[in-house]
Amino acid sequence: MGEIRPKRILRLLIMLSGSRRYMMAELEERLGMSARNIRRDLELIESSVFC
């Protein structure tokens, strides 16, 4: 069973908060998530007050 969504989103936010840019394949590998889940999480972040 994978991580719960809030924890995944927090990990993604921490990674993306730096000045480094990531390719989707690298995010998939580092986070152990599918591109589909990463996109969904990014959409949630984008639609929230974090942006």
PDB file of N, CA and C in Angstrom:
ATOM      1  N   MET A   1       0.842  -1.180   0.000  1.00  0.00           N
ATOM      2  CA  MET A   1       0.000   0.000   0.000  1.00  0.00           C
ATOM      3  C   MET A   1       0.886   1.242   0.000  1.00  0.00           C
ATOM      4  N   GLY A   2       0.527   2.231  -0.786  1.00  0.00           N
ATOM      5  CA  GLY A   2       1.326   3.446  -0.907  1.00  0.00           C
ATOM      6  C   GLY A   2       1.088   4.418   0.232  1.00  0.00           C
ATOM      7  N   GLU A   3       1.811   5.503   0.148  1.00  0.00           N
ATOM      8  CA  GLU A   3       1.679   6.550   1.154  1.00  0.00           C
ATOM      9  C   GLU A   3       0.310   7.216   1.048  1.00  0.00           C
ATOM     10  N   ILE A   4      -0.132   7.766   2.157  1.00  0.00           N
ATOM     11  CA  ILE A   4      -1.372   8.514   2.101  1.00  0.00           C
ATOM     12  C   ILE A   4      -1.127   9.835   1.380  1.00  0.00           C
ATOM     13  N   ARG A   5      -2.144  10.379   0.764  1.00  0.00           N
ATOM     14  CA  ARG A   5      -1.988  11.542  -0.107  1.00  0.00           C
ATOM     15  C   ARG A   5      -1.373  12.760   0.571  1.00  0.00           C
ATOM     16  N   PRO A   6      -1.786  13.147   1.762  1.00  0.00           N
ATOM     17  CA  PRO A   6      -1.154  14.325   2.379  1.00  0.00           C
ATOM     18  C   PRO A   6       0.357  14.173   2.540  1.00  0.00           C
ATOM     19  N   LYS A   7       0.798  12.995   2.891  1.00  0.00           N
ATOM     20  CA  LYS A   7       2.232  12.759   3.051  1.00  0.00           C
ATOM     21  C   LYS A   7       2.934  12.852   1.700  1.00  0.00           C
ATOM     22  N   ARG A   8       2.323  12.286   0.659  1.00  0.00           N
ATOM     23  CA  ARG A   8       2.892  12.365  -0.691  1.00  0.00           C
ATOM     24  C   ARG A   8       3.008  13.811  -1.140  1.00  0.00           C
ATOM     25  N   ILE A   9       1.960  14.595  -0.904  1.00  0.00           N
ATOM     26  CA  ILE A   9       1.948  15.994  -1.324  1.00  0.00           C
ATOM     27  C   ILE A   9       3.017  16.774  -0.576  1.00  0.00           C
ATOM     28  N   LEU A  10       3.171  16.512   0.694  1.00  0.00           N
ATOM     29  CA  LEU A  10       4.203  17.188   1.482  1.00  0.00           C
ATOM     30  C   LEU A  10       5.593  16.862   0.940  1.00  0.00           C
ATOM     31  N   ARG A  11       5.845  15.603   0.640  1.00  0.00           N
ATOM     32  CA  ARG A  11       7.144  15.221   0.060  1.00  0.00           C
ATOM     33  C   ARG A  11       7.373  15.933  -1.263  1.00  0.00           C
ATOM     34  N   LEU A  12       6.341  16.025  -2.086  1.00  0.00           N
ATOM     35  CA  LEU A  12       6.447  16.703  -3.370  1.00  0.00           C
ATOM     36  C   LEU A  12       6.727  18.192  -3.182  1.00  0.00           C
ATOM     37  N   LEU A  13       6.019  18.824  -2.258  1.00  0.00           N
ATOM     38  CA  LEU A  13       6.243  20.241  -1.973  1.00  0.00           C
ATOM     39  C   LEU A  13       7.671  20.505  -1.497  1.00  0.00           C
ATOM     40  N   ILE A  14       8.164  19.659  -0.639  1.00  0.00           N
ATOM     41  CA  ILE A  14       9.529  19.817  -0.129  1.00  0.00           C
ATOM     42  C   ILE A  14      10.538  19.716  -1.267  1.00  0.00           C
ATOM     43  N   MET A  15      10.353  18.721  -2.137  1.00  0.00           N
ATOM     44  CA  MET A  15      11.274  18.571  -3.264  1.00  0.00           C
ATOM     45  C   MET A  15      11.228  19.782  -4.187  1.00  0.00           C
ATOM     46  N   LEU A  16      10.034  20.277  -4.463  1.00  0.00           N
ATOM     47  CA  LEU A  16       9.882  21.354  -5.439  1.00  0.00           C
ATOM     48  C   LEU A  16      10.140  22.737  -4.846  1.00  0.00           C
ATOM     49  N   SER A  17      10.332  22.825  -3.545  1.00  0.00           N
ATOM     50  CA  SER A  17      10.546  24.125  -2.914  1.00  0.00           C
ATOM     51  C   SER A  17      11.959  24.665  -3.145  1.00  0.00           C
ATOM     52  N   GLY A  18      12.871  23.807  -3.557  1.00  0.00           N
ATOM     53  CA  GLY A  18      14.232  24.238  -3.847  1.00  0.00           C
ATOM     54  C   GLY A  18      14.327  24.885  -5.214  1.00  0.00           C
ATOM     55  N   SER A  19      15.520  25.274  -5.570  1.00  0.00           N
ATOM     56  CA  SER A  19      15.719  25.943  -6.854  1.00  0.00           C
ATOM     57  C   SER A  19      15.936  24.951  -7.999  1.00  0.00           C
ATOM     58  N   ARG A  20      16.081  23.696  -7.676  1.00  0.00           N
ATOM     59  CA  ARG A  20      16.323  22.670  -8.694  1.00  0.00           C
ATOM     60  C   ARG A  20      15.043  22.329  -9.456  1.00  0.00           C
ATOM     61  N   ARG A  21      15.194  22.018 -10.726  1.00  0.00           N
ATOM     62  CA  ARG A  21      14.060  21.570 -11.545  1.00  0.00           C
ATOM     63  C   ARG A  21      14.170  20.073 -11.769  1.00  0.00           C
ATOM     64  N   TYR A  22      13.028  19.407 -11.820  1.00  0.00           N
ATOM     65  CA  TYR A  22      12.985  17.963 -11.981  1.00  0.00           C
ATOM     66  C   TYR A  22      12.211  17.579 -13.233  1.00  0.00           C
ATOM     67  N   MET A  23      12.676  16.532 -13.890  1.00  0.00           N
ATOM     68  CA  MET A  23      11.934  15.910 -14.979  1.00  0.00           C
ATOM     69  C   MET A  23      10.928  14.961 -14.338  1.00  0.00           C
ATOM     70  N   MET A  24       9.821  14.700 -15.023  1.00  0.00           N
ATOM     71  CA  MET A  24       8.790  13.822 -14.474  1.00  0.00           C
ATOM     72  C   MET A  24       9.353  12.447 -14.122  1.00  0.00           C
ATOM     73  N   ALA A  25      10.196  11.895 -14.980  1.00  0.00           N
ATOM     74  CA  ALA A  25      10.766  10.566 -14.716  1.00  0.00           C
ATOM     75  C   ALA A  25      11.566  10.552 -13.416  1.00  0.00           C
ATOM     76  N   GLU A  26      12.267  11.646 -13.135  1.00  0.00           N
ATOM     77  CA  GLU A  26      13.047  11.715 -11.898  1.00  0.00           C
ATOM     78  C   GLU A  26      12.131  11.815 -10.679  1.00  0.00           C
ATOM     79  N   LEU A  27      11.055  12.593 -10.803  1.00  0.00           N
ATOM     80  CA  LEU A  27      10.089  12.669  -9.704  1.00  0.00           C
ATOM     81  C   LEU A  27       9.471  11.298  -9.441  1.00  0.00           C
ATOM     82  N   GLU A  28       9.120  10.604 -10.519  1.00  0.00           N
ATOM     83  CA  GLU A  28       8.539   9.265 -10.373  1.00  0.00           C
ATOM     84  C   GLU A  28       9.492   8.352  -9.599  1.00  0.00           C
ATOM     85  N   GLU A  29      10.755   8.374  -9.984  1.00  0.00           N
ATOM     86  CA  GLU A  29      11.746   7.500  -9.349  1.00  0.00           C
ATOM     87  C   GLU A  29      11.989   7.892  -7.897  1.00  0.00           C
ATOM     88  N   ARG A  30      12.205   9.165  -7.656  1.00  0.00           N
ATOM     89  CA  ARG A  30      12.528   9.620  -6.294  1.00  0.00           C
ATOM     90  C   ARG A  30      11.356   9.472  -5.331  1.00  0.00           C
ATOM     91  N   LEU A  31      10.130   9.708  -5.821  1.00  0.00           N
ATOM     92  CA  LEU A  31       8.967   9.651  -4.948  1.00  0.00           C
ATOM     93  C   LEU A  31       8.280   8.285  -4.950  1.00  0.00           C
ATOM     94  N   GLY A  32       8.646   7.433  -5.900  1.00  0.00           N
ATOM     95  CA  GLY A  32       8.008   6.120  -5.987  1.00  0.00           C
ATOM     96  C   GLY A  32       6.541   6.235  -6.354  1.00  0.00           C
ATOM     97  N   MET A  33       6.239   7.202  -7.213  1.00  0.00           N
ATOM     98  CA  MET A  33       4.850   7.468  -7.616  1.00  0.00           C
ATOM     99  C   MET A  33       4.745   7.420  -9.128  1.00  0.00           C
ATOM    100  N   SER A  34       3.538   7.199  -9.616  1.00  0.00           N
ATOM    101  CA  SER A  34       3.310   7.252 -11.055  1.00  0.00           C
ATOM    102  C   SER A  34       3.188   8.705 -11.498  1.00  0.00           C
ATOM    103  N   ALA A  35       3.433   8.938 -12.779  1.00  0.00           N
ATOM    104  CA  ALA A  35       3.291  10.288 -13.331  1.00  0.00           C
ATOM    105  C   ALA A  35       1.859  10.777 -13.146  1.00  0.00           C
ATOM    106  N   ARG A  36       0.910   9.882 -13.271  1.00  0.00           N
ATOM    107  CA  ARG A  36      -0.506  10.247 -13.106  1.00  0.00           C
ATOM    108  C   ARG A  36      -0.771  10.796 -11.704  1.00  0.00           C
ATOM    109  N   ASN A  37      -0.255  10.116 -10.677  1.00  0.00           N
ATOM    110  CA  ASN A  37      -0.452  10.584  -9.303  1.00  0.00           C
ATOM    111  C   ASN A  37       0.271  11.899  -9.052  1.00  0.00           C
ATOM    112  N   ILE A  38       1.460  12.035  -9.621  1.00  0.00           N
ATOM    113  CA  ILE A  38       2.200  13.288  -9.448  1.00  0.00           C
ATOM    114  C   ILE A  38       1.413  14.437 -10.066  1.00  0.00           C
ATOM    115  N   ARG A  39       0.896  14.223 -11.275  1.00  0.00           N
ATOM    116  CA  ARG A  39       0.100  15.276 -11.925  1.00  0.00           C
ATOM    117  C   ARG A  39      -1.131  15.638 -11.101  1.00  0.00           C
ATOM    118  N   ARG A  40      -1.797  14.635 -10.579  1.00  0.00           N
ATOM    119  CA  ARG A  40      -2.986  14.887  -9.739  1.00  0.00           C
ATOM    120  C   ARG A  40      -2.609  15.703  -8.501  1.00  0.00           C
ATOM    121  N   ASP A  41      -1.512  15.322  -7.872  1.00  0.00           N
ATOM    122  CA  ASP A  41      -1.074  16.042  -6.678  1.00  0.00           C
ATOM    123  C   ASP A  41      -0.668  17.474  -7.025  1.00  0.00           C
ATOM    124  N   LEU A  42       0.005  17.653  -8.159  1.00  0.00           N
ATOM    125  CA  LEU A  42       0.385  19.001  -8.588  1.00  0.00           C
ATOM    126  C   LEU A  42      -0.852  19.861  -8.876  1.00  0.00           C
ATOM    127  N   GLU A  43      -1.865  19.252  -9.473  1.00  0.00           N
ATOM    128  CA  GLU A  43      -3.112  19.987  -9.726  1.00  0.00           C
ATOM    129  C   GLU A  43      -3.765  20.410  -8.414  1.00  0.00           C
ATOM    130  N   LEU A  44      -3.726  19.525  -7.424  1.00  0.00           N
ATOM    131  CA  LEU A  44      -4.299  19.854  -6.106  1.00  0.00           C
ATOM    132  C   LEU A  44      -3.508  21.005  -5.476  1.00  0.00           C
ATOM    133  N   ILE A  45      -2.198  20.945  -5.541  1.00  0.00           N
ATOM    134  CA  ILE A  45      -1.362  22.026  -4.996  1.00  0.00           C
ATOM    135  C   ILE A  45      -1.655  23.324  -5.708  1.00  0.00           C
ATOM    136  N   GLU A  46      -1.738  23.261  -7.030  1.00  0.00           N
ATOM    137  CA  GLU A  46      -1.984  24.452  -7.830  1.00  0.00           C
ATOM    138  C   GLU A  46      -3.327  25.098  -7.496  1.00  0.00           C
ATOM    139  N   SER A  47      -4.332  24.298  -7.213  1.00  0.00           N
ATOM    140  CA  SER A  47      -5.662  24.835  -6.920  1.00  0.00           C
ATOM    141  C   SER A  47      -5.838  25.234  -5.454  1.00  0.00           C
ATOM    142  N   SER A  48      -4.803  24.998  -4.650  1.00  0.00           N
ATOM    143  CA  SER A  48      -4.898  25.332  -3.221  1.00  0.00           C
ATOM    144  C   SER A  48      -4.240  26.682  -2.934  1.00  0.00           C
ATOM    145  N   VAL A  49      -4.146  27.010  -1.699  1.00  0.00           N
ATOM    146  CA  VAL A  49      -3.546  28.282  -1.283  1.00  0.00           C
ATOM    147  C   VAL A  49      -2.021  28.234  -1.278  1.00  0.00           C
ATOM    148  N   PHE A  50      -1.422  27.091  -1.624  1.00  0.00           N
ATOM    149  CA  PHE A  50       0.037  26.964  -1.617  1.00  0.00           C
ATOM    150  C   PHE A  50       0.688  27.767  -2.735  1.00  0.00           C
ATOM    151  N   CYS A  51      -0.063  28.072  -3.781  1.00  0.00           N
ATOM    152  CA  CYS A  51       0.521  28.778  -4.938  1.00  0.00           C
ATOM    153  C   CYS A  51       0.320  30.271  -4.823  1.00  0.00           C
TER     154      CYS A  51
END
